[in-house]
Amino acid sequence: MKPFVLLATRAEDVPADEEYALFLRYTGLTERELIRIRLEAAPMPKLDLDDLSGIFVGGGPFNASDPIEKKSAVQRRVEAEFGTLLDEVVARDFPFLGACYGVGTIGAHQGAVIDRTYGEPISVVPVTMTDAGAVDPLLNSLPRTFEAFVGHKEAIRTLPPSATLLASSPTCPVQMFRVKQNIYATQFHPELDLEGITTRIHAYANHGYFAADELELTLSAVQRAAVQHPSLMLRTFVERYAR
């Protein structure tokens, strides 16, 4: 089997390593079958899509909607690298699944309006599929409405005509979309379980996702409902596209 790639941008080792472990767990892939590339550490190597089965993108600290002058040199480099990669991914309709930061990458590439209108605090939200989502092969193992972990400062306010809306939540209209037939992005985190999001809450306690005195409240918010279905799409993605 040709390997998959996980493109990651987390600078903190503990949540970065756990993110990789979660993708391994829920995709069912081995470390040889899922190659991690930490883009915050070094420039993106040249990826030959003919040598890959598909691409995953993890979450991260970058906000696509920030003014250019507020973006670090690393973020500007990473965004430029994604732009070049996505030119080829979209042209070839190559298998791609971006989780959280995937919205900022493929969404920005396709011309979506991304801003802070529909940011969501770290929590569990009900995500409901659209009619298009209900018949999408990546979601066929999930119930029409399922609980998912979220936590993001920005979101897509307006999808471009090239995108098909697949799922929404009450406080964020664009939770998942597809471009062409094989390119996906989720605002929620399909890779996360309770242990994983607890790690991230502690790791990013001072990154503006919640106030300094809201740590316990945030930890309680992610325990309010069981989250068990979103990770199923990761295994489905692998089964569908492994080659």
C-alpha atoms as a PDB file:
ATOM      1  CA  MET A   1       0.000   0.000   0.000  1.00  0.00           C
ATOM      2  CA  LYS A   2       1.175   3.502  -0.781  1.00  0.00           C
ATOM      3  CA  PRO A   3       1.411   5.583   2.415  1.00  0.00           C
ATOM      4  CA  PHE A   4      -0.807   8.391   3.584  1.00  0.00           C
ATOM      5  CA  VAL A   5       0.674  11.670   4.851  1.00  0.00           C
ATOM      6  CA  LEU A   6      -0.313  13.706   7.906  1.00  0.00           C
ATOM      7  CA  LEU A   7       0.584  17.377   7.524  1.00  0.00           C
ATOM      8  CA  ALA A   8       0.850  18.859  11.025  1.00  0.00           C
ATOM      9  CA  THR A   9       1.498  22.359  12.345  1.00  0.00           C
ATOM     10  CA  ARG A  10       1.488  22.032  16.155  1.00  0.00           C
ATOM     11  CA  ALA A  11       4.702  23.368  17.697  1.00  0.00           C
ATOM     12  CA  GLU A  12       4.108  21.826  21.140  1.00  0.00           C
ATOM     13  CA  ASP A  13       5.468  18.279  21.275  1.00  0.00           C
ATOM     14  CA  VAL A  14       2.901  16.748  23.658  1.00  0.00           C
ATOM     15  CA  PRO A  15      -0.276  17.639  21.692  1.00  0.00           C
ATOM     16  CA  ALA A  16       1.579  17.142  18.399  1.00  0.00           C
ATOM     17  CA  ASP A  17       2.648  13.629  19.321  1.00  0.00           C
ATOM     18  CA  GLU A  18      -0.787  12.795  20.672  1.00  0.00           C
ATOM     19  CA  GLU A  19      -2.449  14.078  17.499  1.00  0.00           C
ATOM     20  CA  TYR A  20      -0.282  11.701  15.465  1.00  0.00           C
ATOM     21  CA  ALA A  21      -1.086   8.834  17.841  1.00  0.00           C
ATOM     22  CA  LEU A  22      -4.808   9.545  17.495  1.00  0.00           C
ATOM     23  CA  PHE A  23      -4.645   9.549  13.700  1.00  0.00           C
ATOM     24  CA  LEU A  24      -2.764   6.254  13.833  1.00  0.00           C
ATOM     25  CA  ARG A  25      -5.321   4.764  16.218  1.00  0.00           C
ATOM     26  CA  TYR A  26      -8.443   5.774  14.351  1.00  0.00           C
ATOM     27  CA  THR A  27      -7.166   5.275  10.802  1.00  0.00           C
ATOM     28  CA  GLY A  28      -5.735   1.869  11.717  1.00  0.00           C
ATOM     29  CA  LEU A  29      -2.488   2.775   9.948  1.00  0.00           C
ATOM     30  CA  THR A  30       1.051   2.055  11.116  1.00  0.00           C
ATOM     31  CA  GLU A  31       3.803   4.659  11.338  1.00  0.00           C
ATOM     32  CA  ARG A  32       5.172   3.430   8.003  1.00  0.00           C
ATOM     33  CA  GLU A  33       1.729   3.794   6.459  1.00  0.00           C
ATOM     34  CA  LEU A  34       1.067   7.291   7.862  1.00  0.00           C
ATOM     35  CA  ILE A  35       4.031   9.607   7.435  1.00  0.00           C
ATOM     36  CA  ARG A  36       3.945  12.681   9.661  1.00  0.00           C
ATOM     37  CA  ILE A  37       5.427  15.942   8.397  1.00  0.00           C
ATOM     38  CA  ARG A  38       5.678  18.761  10.945  1.00  0.00           C
ATOM     39  CA  LEU A  39       5.406  21.903   8.870  1.00  0.00           C
ATOM     40  CA  GLU A  40       6.099  24.236  11.781  1.00  0.00           C
ATOM     41  CA  ALA A  41       9.583  22.721  12.056  1.00  0.00           C
ATOM     42  CA  ALA A  42      10.753  22.754   8.444  1.00  0.00           C
ATOM     43  CA  PRO A  43       9.546  23.533   4.918  1.00  0.00           C
ATOM     44  CA  MET A  44       7.185  21.074   3.277  1.00  0.00           C
ATOM     45  CA  PRO A  45       9.121  18.553   1.223  1.00  0.00           C
ATOM     46  CA  LYS A  46       8.120  17.906  -2.346  1.00  0.00           C
ATOM     47  CA  LEU A  47       5.190  15.483  -2.260  1.00  0.00           C
ATOM     48  CA  ASP A  48       4.745  13.267  -5.286  1.00  0.00           C
ATOM     49  CA  LEU A  49       1.041  12.466  -5.247  1.00  0.00           C
ATOM     50  CA  ASP A  50       1.661   9.418  -7.414  1.00  0.00           C
ATOM     51  CA  ASP A  51       3.520   7.892  -4.458  1.00  0.00           C
ATOM     52  CA  LEU A  52       0.724   8.522  -1.923  1.00  0.00           C
ATOM     53  CA  SER A  53      -2.728   7.154  -1.131  1.00  0.00           C
ATOM     54  CA  GLY A  54      -4.038  10.359   0.437  1.00  0.00           C
ATOM     55  CA  ILE A  55      -3.353  13.384   2.618  1.00  0.00           C
ATOM     56  CA  PHE A  56      -4.568  14.236   6.111  1.00  0.00           C
ATOM     57  CA  VAL A  57      -4.197  17.671   7.695  1.00  0.00           C
ATOM     58  CA  GLY A  58      -4.335  18.044  11.471  1.00  0.00           C
ATOM     59  CA  GLY A  59      -5.436  21.036  13.498  1.00  0.00           C
ATOM     60  CA  GLY A  60      -3.137  23.840  14.495  1.00  0.00           C
ATOM     61  CA  PRO A  61      -2.610  27.351  15.817  1.00  0.00           C
ATOM     62  CA  PHE A  62      -2.891  29.289  12.557  1.00  0.00           C
ATOM     63  CA  ASN A  63      -5.905  31.420  11.678  1.00  0.00           C
ATOM     64  CA  ALA A  64      -6.359  31.996   7.965  1.00  0.00           C
ATOM     65  CA  SER A  65      -8.421  35.128   8.595  1.00  0.00           C
ATOM     66  CA  ASP A  66      -5.724  36.973  10.582  1.00  0.00           C
ATOM     67  CA  PRO A  67      -4.309  40.064   8.840  1.00  0.00           C
ATOM     68  CA  ILE A  68      -1.111  39.292   6.969  1.00  0.00           C
ATOM     69  CA  GLU A  69       0.909  41.584   9.241  1.00  0.00           C
ATOM     70  CA  LYS A  70      -0.103  39.498  12.258  1.00  0.00           C
ATOM     71  CA  LYS A  71       0.929  36.209  10.696  1.00  0.00           C
ATOM     72  CA  SER A  72       4.319  34.823  11.627  1.00  0.00           C
ATOM     73  CA  ALA A  73       6.927  34.028   9.007  1.00  0.00           C
ATOM     74  CA  VAL A  74       6.236  30.336   9.642  1.00  0.00           C
ATOM     75  CA  GLN A  75       2.506  30.740   9.044  1.00  0.00           C
ATOM     76  CA  ARG A  76       3.082  32.682   5.838  1.00  0.00           C
ATOM     77  CA  ARG A  77       5.454  29.971   4.612  1.00  0.00           C
ATOM     78  CA  VAL A  78       3.040  27.175   5.511  1.00  0.00           C
ATOM     79  CA  GLU A  79       0.134  28.922   3.802  1.00  0.00           C
ATOM     80  CA  ALA A  80       2.186  29.413   0.637  1.00  0.00           C
ATOM     81  CA  GLU A  81       3.204  25.735   0.684  1.00  0.00           C
ATOM     82  CA  PHE A  82      -0.401  24.640   1.109  1.00  0.00           C
ATOM     83  CA  GLY A  83      -1.427  26.881  -1.764  1.00  0.00           C
ATOM     84  CA  THR A  84       1.015  25.172  -4.103  1.00  0.00           C
ATOM     85  CA  LEU A  85       0.083  21.682  -2.888  1.00  0.00           C
ATOM     86  CA  LEU A  86      -3.650  22.322  -3.138  1.00  0.00           C
ATOM     87  CA  ASP A  87      -3.332  23.568  -6.708  1.00  0.00           C
ATOM     88  CA  GLU A  88      -2.337  20.009  -7.624  1.00  0.00           C
ATOM     89  CA  VAL A  89      -4.678  18.291  -5.145  1.00  0.00           C
ATOM     90  CA  VAL A  90      -7.713  20.099  -6.548  1.00  0.00           C
ATOM     91  CA  ALA A  91      -6.657  19.727 -10.160  1.00  0.00           C
ATOM     92  CA  ARG A  92      -6.344  15.959  -9.677  1.00  0.00           C
ATOM     93  CA  ASP A  93      -9.212  15.604  -7.178  1.00  0.00           C
ATOM     94  CA  PHE A  94      -6.696  13.809  -4.966  1.00  0.00           C
ATOM     95  CA  PRO A  95      -7.893  12.277  -1.659  1.00  0.00           C
ATOM     96  CA  PHE A  96      -7.546  14.920   1.058  1.00  0.00           C
ATOM     97  CA  LEU A  97      -9.076  15.234   4.517  1.00  0.00           C
ATOM     98  CA  GLY A  98      -8.315  18.316   6.565  1.00  0.00           C
ATOM     99  CA  ALA A  99      -9.439  18.400  10.212  1.00  0.00           C
ATOM    100  CA  CYS A 100     -10.085  21.875  11.669  1.00  0.00           C
ATOM    101  CA  TYR A 101      -7.127  23.605   9.995  1.00  0.00           C
ATOM    102  CA  GLY A 102      -8.289  21.856   6.853  1.00  0.00           C
ATOM    103  CA  VAL A 103     -11.075  24.444   6.726  1.00  0.00           C
ATOM    104  CA  GLY A 104      -8.473  27.206   6.687  1.00  0.00           C
ATOM    105  CA  THR A 105      -6.408  25.504   3.996  1.00  0.00           C
ATOM    106  CA  ILE A 106      -8.790  24.163   1.373  1.00  0.00           C
ATOM    107  CA  GLY A 107     -11.427  26.734   2.325  1.00  0.00           C
ATOM    108  CA  ALA A 108      -9.069  29.656   1.747  1.00  0.00           C
ATOM    109  CA  HIS A 109      -7.731  28.036  -1.421  1.00  0.00           C
ATOM    110  CA  GLN A 110     -11.242  27.821  -2.870  1.00  0.00           C
ATOM    111  CA  GLY A 111     -12.185  31.382  -1.913  1.00  0.00           C
ATOM    112  CA  ALA A 112     -14.410  30.792   1.113  1.00  0.00           C
ATOM    113  CA  VAL A 113     -15.188  33.721   3.401  1.00  0.00           C
ATOM    114  CA  ILE A 114     -13.426  32.873   6.673  1.00  0.00           C
ATOM    115  CA  ASP A 115     -13.790  35.060   9.744  1.00  0.00           C
ATOM    116  CA  ARG A 116     -14.642  34.920  13.456  1.00  0.00           C
ATOM    117  CA  THR A 117     -18.427  35.074  13.071  1.00  0.00           C
ATOM    118  CA  TYR A 118     -18.951  31.395  13.855  1.00  0.00           C
ATOM    119  CA  GLY A 119     -16.104  30.554  16.209  1.00  0.00           C
ATOM    120  CA  GLU A 120     -17.018  27.920  18.817  1.00  0.00           C
ATOM    121  CA  PRO A 121     -15.586  27.436  22.312  1.00  0.00           C
ATOM    122  CA  ILE A 122     -13.953  24.123  23.153  1.00  0.00           C
ATOM    123  CA  SER A 123     -16.933  21.871  23.686  1.00  0.00           C
ATOM    124  CA  VAL A 124     -19.099  19.081  22.313  1.00  0.00           C
ATOM    125  CA  VAL A 125     -21.708  20.060  19.708  1.00  0.00           C
ATOM    126  CA  PRO A 126     -24.340  18.151  17.731  1.00  0.00           C
ATOM    127  CA  VAL A 127     -23.377  17.972  14.057  1.00  0.00           C
ATOM    128  CA  THR A 128     -26.120  17.246  11.530  1.00  0.00           C
ATOM    129  CA  MET A 129     -25.559  16.106   7.968  1.00  0.00           C
ATOM    130  CA  THR A 130     -27.150  17.835   5.031  1.00  0.00           C
ATOM    131  CA  ASP A 131     -28.917  15.742   2.413  1.00  0.00           C
ATOM    132  CA  ALA A 132     -25.636  15.689   0.469  1.00  0.00           C
ATOM    133  CA  GLY A 133     -23.774  14.569   3.573  1.00  0.00           C
ATOM    134  CA  ALA A 134     -26.233  11.764   4.265  1.00  0.00           C
ATOM    135  CA  VAL A 135     -25.367  10.115   0.955  1.00  0.00           C
ATOM    136  CA  ASP A 136     -21.656  10.896   0.963  1.00  0.00           C
ATOM    137  CA  PRO A 137     -19.605   7.660   1.123  1.00  0.00           C
ATOM    138  CA  LEU A 138     -17.255   9.063   3.769  1.00  0.00           C
ATOM    139  CA  LEU A 139     -20.149   9.530   6.198  1.00  0.00           C
ATOM    140  CA  ASN A 140     -22.201   6.419   5.558  1.00  0.00           C
ATOM    141  CA  SER A 141     -21.192   4.801   8.868  1.00  0.00           C
ATOM    142  CA  LEU A 142     -22.345   7.781  10.955  1.00  0.00           C
ATOM    143  CA  PRO A 143     -25.838   8.673  12.223  1.00  0.00           C
ATOM    144  CA  ARG A 144     -27.535  11.686  10.623  1.00  0.00           C
ATOM    145  CA  THR A 145     -26.768  13.715  13.780  1.00  0.00           C
ATOM    146  CA  PHE A 146     -23.714  12.970  15.906  1.00  0.00           C
ATOM    147  CA  GLU A 147     -21.720  14.619  18.692  1.00  0.00           C
ATOM    148  CA  ALA A 148     -18.280  16.045  17.893  1.00  0.00           C
ATOM    149  CA  PHE A 149     -15.475  17.955  19.588  1.00  0.00           C
ATOM    150  CA  VAL A 150     -14.928  21.540  18.452  1.00  0.00           C
ATOM    151  CA  GLY A 151     -12.860  24.523  19.502  1.00  0.00           C
ATOM    152  CA  HIS A 152     -11.960  27.203  16.979  1.00  0.00           C
ATOM    153  CA  LYS A 153     -11.638  30.964  16.759  1.00  0.00           C
ATOM    154  CA  GLU A 154     -12.602  31.243  13.096  1.00  0.00           C
ATOM    155  CA  ALA A 155     -14.841  29.376  10.686  1.00  0.00           C
ATOM    156  CA  ILE A 156     -16.253  29.577   7.187  1.00  0.00           C
ATOM    157  CA  ARG A 157     -19.054  32.114   6.924  1.00  0.00           C
ATOM    158  CA  THR A 158     -19.694  31.641   3.201  1.00  0.00           C
ATOM    159  CA  LEU A 159     -18.817  28.593   1.137  1.00  0.00           C
ATOM    160  CA  PRO A 160     -17.616  29.088  -2.439  1.00  0.00           C
ATOM    161  CA  PRO A 161     -19.649  27.622  -5.327  1.00  0.00           C
ATOM    162  CA  SER A 162     -17.045  24.875  -5.757  1.00  0.00           C
ATOM    163  CA  ALA A 163     -17.848  23.361  -2.348  1.00  0.00           C
ATOM    164  CA  THR A 164     -20.685  21.078  -1.257  1.00  0.00           C
ATOM    165  CA  LEU A 165     -21.905  21.504   2.314  1.00  0.00           C
ATOM    166  CA  LEU A 166     -22.028  18.160   4.115  1.00  0.00           C
ATOM    167  CA  ALA A 167     -22.718  19.025   7.772  1.00  0.00           C
ATOM    168  CA  SER A 168     -23.593  21.889  10.127  1.00  0.00           C
ATOM    169  CA  SER A 169     -24.014  22.566  13.840  1.00  0.00           C
ATOM    170  CA  PRO A 170     -26.391  25.002  15.571  1.00  0.00           C
ATOM    171  CA  THR A 171     -23.616  27.555  16.135  1.00  0.00           C
ATOM    172  CA  CYS A 172     -21.462  26.928  13.059  1.00  0.00           C
ATOM    173  CA  PRO A 173     -23.164  26.528   9.659  1.00  0.00           C
ATOM    174  CA  VAL A 174     -20.147  24.929   7.962  1.00  0.00           C
ATOM    175  CA  GLN A 175     -18.906  21.914   9.913  1.00  0.00           C
ATOM    176  CA  MET A 176     -17.929  19.832   6.897  1.00  0.00           C
ATOM    177  CA  PHE A 177     -17.726  20.267   3.160  1.00  0.00           C
ATOM    178  CA  ARG A 178     -16.397  18.571   0.054  1.00  0.00           C
ATOM    179  CA  VAL A 179     -14.692  19.924  -3.051  1.00  0.00           C
ATOM    180  CA  LYS A 180     -15.138  17.803  -6.183  1.00  0.00           C
ATOM    181  CA  GLN A 181     -15.509  14.150  -5.108  1.00  0.00           C
ATOM    182  CA  ASN A 182     -12.486  13.358  -2.933  1.00  0.00           C
ATOM    183  CA  ILE A 183     -11.407  16.522  -1.104  1.00  0.00           C
ATOM    184  CA  TYR A 184     -12.858  16.996   2.377  1.00  0.00           C
ATOM    185  CA  ALA A 185     -12.555  19.394   5.282  1.00  0.00           C
ATOM    186  CA  THR A 186     -14.121  19.329   8.742  1.00  0.00           C
ATOM    187  CA  GLN A 187     -14.384  22.116  11.277  1.00  0.00           C
ATOM    188  CA  PHE A 188     -14.851  19.557  14.054  1.00  0.00           C
ATOM    189  CA  HIS A 189     -12.089  17.143  15.066  1.00  0.00           C
ATOM    190  CA  PRO A 190     -12.765  13.584  13.833  1.00  0.00           C
ATOM    191  CA  GLU A 191      -9.495  12.347  15.356  1.00  0.00           C
ATOM    192  CA  LEU A 192     -10.197  13.416  18.936  1.00  0.00           C
ATOM    193  CA  ASP A 193     -11.338  11.371  21.906  1.00  0.00           C
ATOM    194  CA  LEU A 194     -11.869  12.598  25.470  1.00  0.00           C
ATOM    195  CA  GLU A 195      -8.277  11.944  26.495  1.00  0.00           C
ATOM    196  CA  GLY A 196      -6.960  13.755  23.455  1.00  0.00           C
ATOM    197  CA  ILE A 197      -9.055  16.878  23.882  1.00  0.00           C
ATOM    198  CA  THR A 198      -8.209  16.974  27.585  1.00  0.00           C
ATOM    199  CA  THR A 199      -4.525  17.071  26.652  1.00  0.00           C
ATOM    200  CA  ARG A 200      -5.156  19.934  24.248  1.00  0.00           C
ATOM    201  CA  ILE A 201      -7.160  21.923  26.775  1.00  0.00           C
ATOM    202  CA  HIS A 202      -4.207  21.845  29.163  1.00  0.00           C
ATOM    203  CA  ALA A 203      -1.638  22.463  26.409  1.00  0.00           C
ATOM    204  CA  TYR A 204      -3.462  25.496  24.974  1.00  0.00           C
ATOM    205  CA  ALA A 205      -4.789  26.974  28.209  1.00  0.00           C
ATOM    206  CA  ASN A 206      -2.999  30.269  27.498  1.00  0.00           C
ATOM    207  CA  HIS A 207      -3.760  30.519  23.794  1.00  0.00           C
ATOM    208  CA  GLY A 208      -7.010  32.476  24.013  1.00  0.00           C
ATOM    209  CA  TYR A 209      -9.520  29.650  23.561  1.00  0.00           C
ATOM    210  CA  PHE A 210     -10.948  30.307  27.031  1.00  0.00           C
ATOM    211  CA  ALA A 211     -10.334  32.671  29.948  1.00  0.00           C
ATOM    212  CA  ALA A 212      -7.701  31.859  32.551  1.00  0.00           C
ATOM    213  CA  ASP A 213     -10.335  31.014  35.161  1.00  0.00           C
ATOM    214  CA  GLU A 214     -12.378  28.763  32.831  1.00  0.00           C
ATOM    215  CA  LEU A 215     -10.155  25.689  32.764  1.00  0.00           C
ATOM    216  CA  GLU A 216     -12.436  23.506  34.861  1.00  0.00           C
ATOM    217  CA  LEU A 217     -15.517  24.789  33.048  1.00  0.00           C
ATOM    218  CA  THR A 218     -13.937  23.889  29.712  1.00  0.00           C
ATOM    219  CA  LEU A 219     -12.949  20.427  30.929  1.00  0.00           C
ATOM    220  CA  SER A 220     -16.548  19.879  32.035  1.00  0.00           C
ATOM    221  CA  ALA A 221     -17.898  21.076  28.687  1.00  0.00           C
ATOM    222  CA  VAL A 222     -16.152  18.303  26.759  1.00  0.00           C
ATOM    223  CA  GLN A 223     -17.612  15.663  29.063  1.00  0.00           C
ATOM    224  CA  ARG A 224     -21.247  16.648  28.647  1.00  0.00           C
ATOM    225  CA  ALA A 225     -21.933  14.070  25.914  1.00  0.00           C
ATOM    226  CA  ALA A 226     -20.250  10.944  24.583  1.00  0.00           C
ATOM    227  CA  VAL A 227     -18.324  11.417  21.332  1.00  0.00           C
ATOM    228  CA  GLN A 228     -17.884   8.157  19.465  1.00  0.00           C
ATOM    229  CA  HIS A 229     -18.858   8.526  15.813  1.00  0.00           C
ATOM    230  CA  PRO A 230     -16.624  11.124  14.050  1.00  0.00           C
ATOM    231  CA  SER A 231     -13.491   8.962  14.148  1.00  0.00           C
ATOM    232  CA  LEU A 232     -15.254   6.357  12.003  1.00  0.00           C
ATOM    233  CA  MET A 233     -14.762   8.557   8.959  1.00  0.00           C
ATOM    234  CA  LEU A 234     -10.983   8.284   9.317  1.00  0.00           C
ATOM    235  CA  ARG A 235     -11.046   4.512   8.895  1.00  0.00           C
ATOM    236  CA  THR A 236     -13.545   4.903   6.038  1.00  0.00           C
ATOM    237  CA  PHE A 237     -11.235   7.393   4.324  1.00  0.00           C
ATOM    238  CA  VAL A 238      -8.370   4.899   4.494  1.00  0.00           C
ATOM    239  CA  GLU A 239     -10.486   1.992   3.293  1.00  0.00           C
ATOM    240  CA  ARG A 240     -11.806   4.041   0.413  1.00  0.00           C
ATOM    241  CA  TYR A 241      -8.518   5.463  -0.826  1.00  0.00           C
ATOM    242  CA  ALA A 242      -5.714   3.042   0.113  1.00  0.00           C
ATOM    243  CA  ARG A 243      -3.969   1.920  -3.056  1.00  0.00           C
END
